[in-house]
Amino acid sequence: MARLTRLRIEGYRSIGSPVEIQFPQNQPVVLVGENNAGTSNIVKALQFGADLRSSLQRRAGLT
């Protein structure tokens, strides 16, 4: 099982400057922000990355 340790987002929708988020090991992570702050875009970026990884693994015959 892969673990996510950090996420770097650059040029993604409403997130202007590059953002890097470090995920602490074995601790829950909560995204909190005002309306239109980009928190849902961070979740979309995570989903995109997970889908991309899954697709690449399927193409390589690793799953």
C-alpha atoms as a PDB file:
ATOM      1  CA  MET A   1       0.000   0.000   0.000  1.00  0.00           C
ATOM      2  CA  ALA A   2       1.322   3.421  -0.929  1.00  0.00           C
ATOM      3  CA  ARG A   3       1.359   6.233   1.603  1.00  0.00           C
ATOM      4  CA  LEU A   4       1.047   9.854   0.729  1.00  0.00           C
ATOM      5  CA  THR A   5       3.733  11.923   2.439  1.00  0.00           C
ATOM      6  CA  ARG A   6       3.369  15.228   0.602  1.00  0.00           C
ATOM      7  CA  LEU A   7       1.389  16.935  -2.116  1.00  0.00           C
ATOM      8  CA  ARG A   8       2.658  19.725  -4.351  1.00  0.00           C
ATOM      9  CA  ILE A   9       0.134  21.646  -6.439  1.00  0.00           C
ATOM     10  CA  GLU A  10       1.174  24.165  -9.044  1.00  0.00           C
ATOM     11  CA  GLY A  11      -1.019  25.939 -11.587  1.00  0.00           C
ATOM     12  CA  TYR A  12      -4.171  24.096 -10.561  1.00  0.00           C
ATOM     13  CA  ARG A  13      -7.452  25.964 -10.913  1.00  0.00           C
ATOM     14  CA  SER A  14      -7.884  28.600  -8.212  1.00  0.00           C
ATOM     15  CA  ILE A  15      -4.584  27.914  -6.429  1.00  0.00           C
ATOM     16  CA  GLY A  16      -2.362  30.736  -7.651  1.00  0.00           C
ATOM     17  CA  SER A  17       1.114  30.162  -6.279  1.00  0.00           C
ATOM     18  CA  PRO A  18       2.598  26.686  -5.752  1.00  0.00           C
ATOM     19  CA  VAL A  19       1.450  24.914  -2.580  1.00  0.00           C
ATOM     20  CA  GLU A  20       3.159  22.021  -0.831  1.00  0.00           C
ATOM     21  CA  ILE A  21       1.411  20.112   1.936  1.00  0.00           C
ATOM     22  CA  GLN A  22       3.262  17.678   4.193  1.00  0.00           C
ATOM     23  CA  PHE A  23       1.183  14.809   5.571  1.00  0.00           C
ATOM     24  CA  PRO A  24       2.283  13.615   9.017  1.00  0.00           C
ATOM     25  CA  GLN A  25       2.596   9.864   9.397  1.00  0.00           C
ATOM     26  CA  ASN A  26      -0.243   8.089  11.241  1.00  0.00           C
ATOM     27  CA  GLN A  27      -2.157  11.305  11.924  1.00  0.00           C
ATOM     28  CA  PRO A  28      -5.436  12.497  10.438  1.00  0.00           C
ATOM     29  CA  VAL A  29      -5.351  15.496   8.109  1.00  0.00           C
ATOM     30  CA  VAL A  30      -8.149  18.071   7.955  1.00  0.00           C
ATOM     31  CA  LEU A  31      -8.501  20.705   5.231  1.00  0.00           C
ATOM     32  CA  VAL A  32     -10.215  23.845   6.448  1.00  0.00           C
ATOM     33  CA  GLY A  33     -10.715  27.082   4.576  1.00  0.00           C
ATOM     34  CA  GLU A  34     -13.131  29.817   3.655  1.00  0.00           C
ATOM     35  CA  ASN A  35     -15.440  29.585   0.668  1.00  0.00           C
ATOM     36  CA  ASN A  36     -13.449  29.753  -2.571  1.00  0.00           C
ATOM     37  CA  ALA A  37     -10.197  29.118  -0.685  1.00  0.00           C
ATOM     38  CA  GLY A  38      -9.292  26.129  -2.859  1.00  0.00           C
ATOM     39  CA  THR A  39      -9.746  23.302  -0.350  1.00  0.00           C
ATOM     40  CA  SER A  40     -11.948  21.310  -2.751  1.00  0.00           C
ATOM     41  CA  ASN A  41      -9.286  21.777  -5.441  1.00  0.00           C
ATOM     42  CA  ILE A  42      -6.746  20.126  -3.147  1.00  0.00           C
ATOM     43  CA  VAL A  43      -9.055  17.134  -2.824  1.00  0.00           C
ATOM     44  CA  LYS A  44      -9.526  17.061  -6.621  1.00  0.00           C
ATOM     45  CA  ALA A  45      -5.731  17.091  -7.064  1.00  0.00           C
ATOM     46  CA  LEU A  46      -5.442  14.113  -4.700  1.00  0.00           C
ATOM     47  CA  GLN A  47      -8.109  12.249  -6.668  1.00  0.00           C
ATOM     48  CA  PHE A  48      -6.379  13.073  -9.955  1.00  0.00           C
ATOM     49  CA  GLY A  49      -3.046  11.808  -8.640  1.00  0.00           C
ATOM     50  CA  ALA A  50      -4.587   8.597  -7.315  1.00  0.00           C
ATOM     51  CA  ASP A  51      -6.417   7.975 -10.602  1.00  0.00           C
ATOM     52  CA  LEU A  52      -3.274   8.633 -12.614  1.00  0.00           C
ATOM     53  CA  ARG A  53      -1.211   6.254 -10.494  1.00  0.00           C
ATOM     54  CA  SER A  54      -3.893   3.578 -10.743  1.00  0.00           C
ATOM     55  CA  SER A  55      -4.078   3.965 -14.529  1.00  0.00           C
ATOM     56  CA  LEU A  56      -0.313   3.726 -14.899  1.00  0.00           C
ATOM     57  CA  GLN A  57      -0.197   0.613 -12.739  1.00  0.00           C
ATOM     58  CA  ARG A  58      -2.968  -1.025 -14.781  1.00  0.00           C
ATOM     59  CA  ARG A  59      -1.160  -0.238 -18.032  1.00  0.00           C
ATOM     60  CA  ALA A  60       2.052  -1.721 -16.657  1.00  0.00           C
ATOM     61  CA  GLY A  61       0.178  -4.839 -15.464  1.00  0.00           C
ATOM     62  CA  LEU A  62       1.025  -4.222 -11.825  1.00  0.00           C
ATOM     63  CA  THR A  63      -2.498  -4.584 -10.425  1.00  0.00           C
END
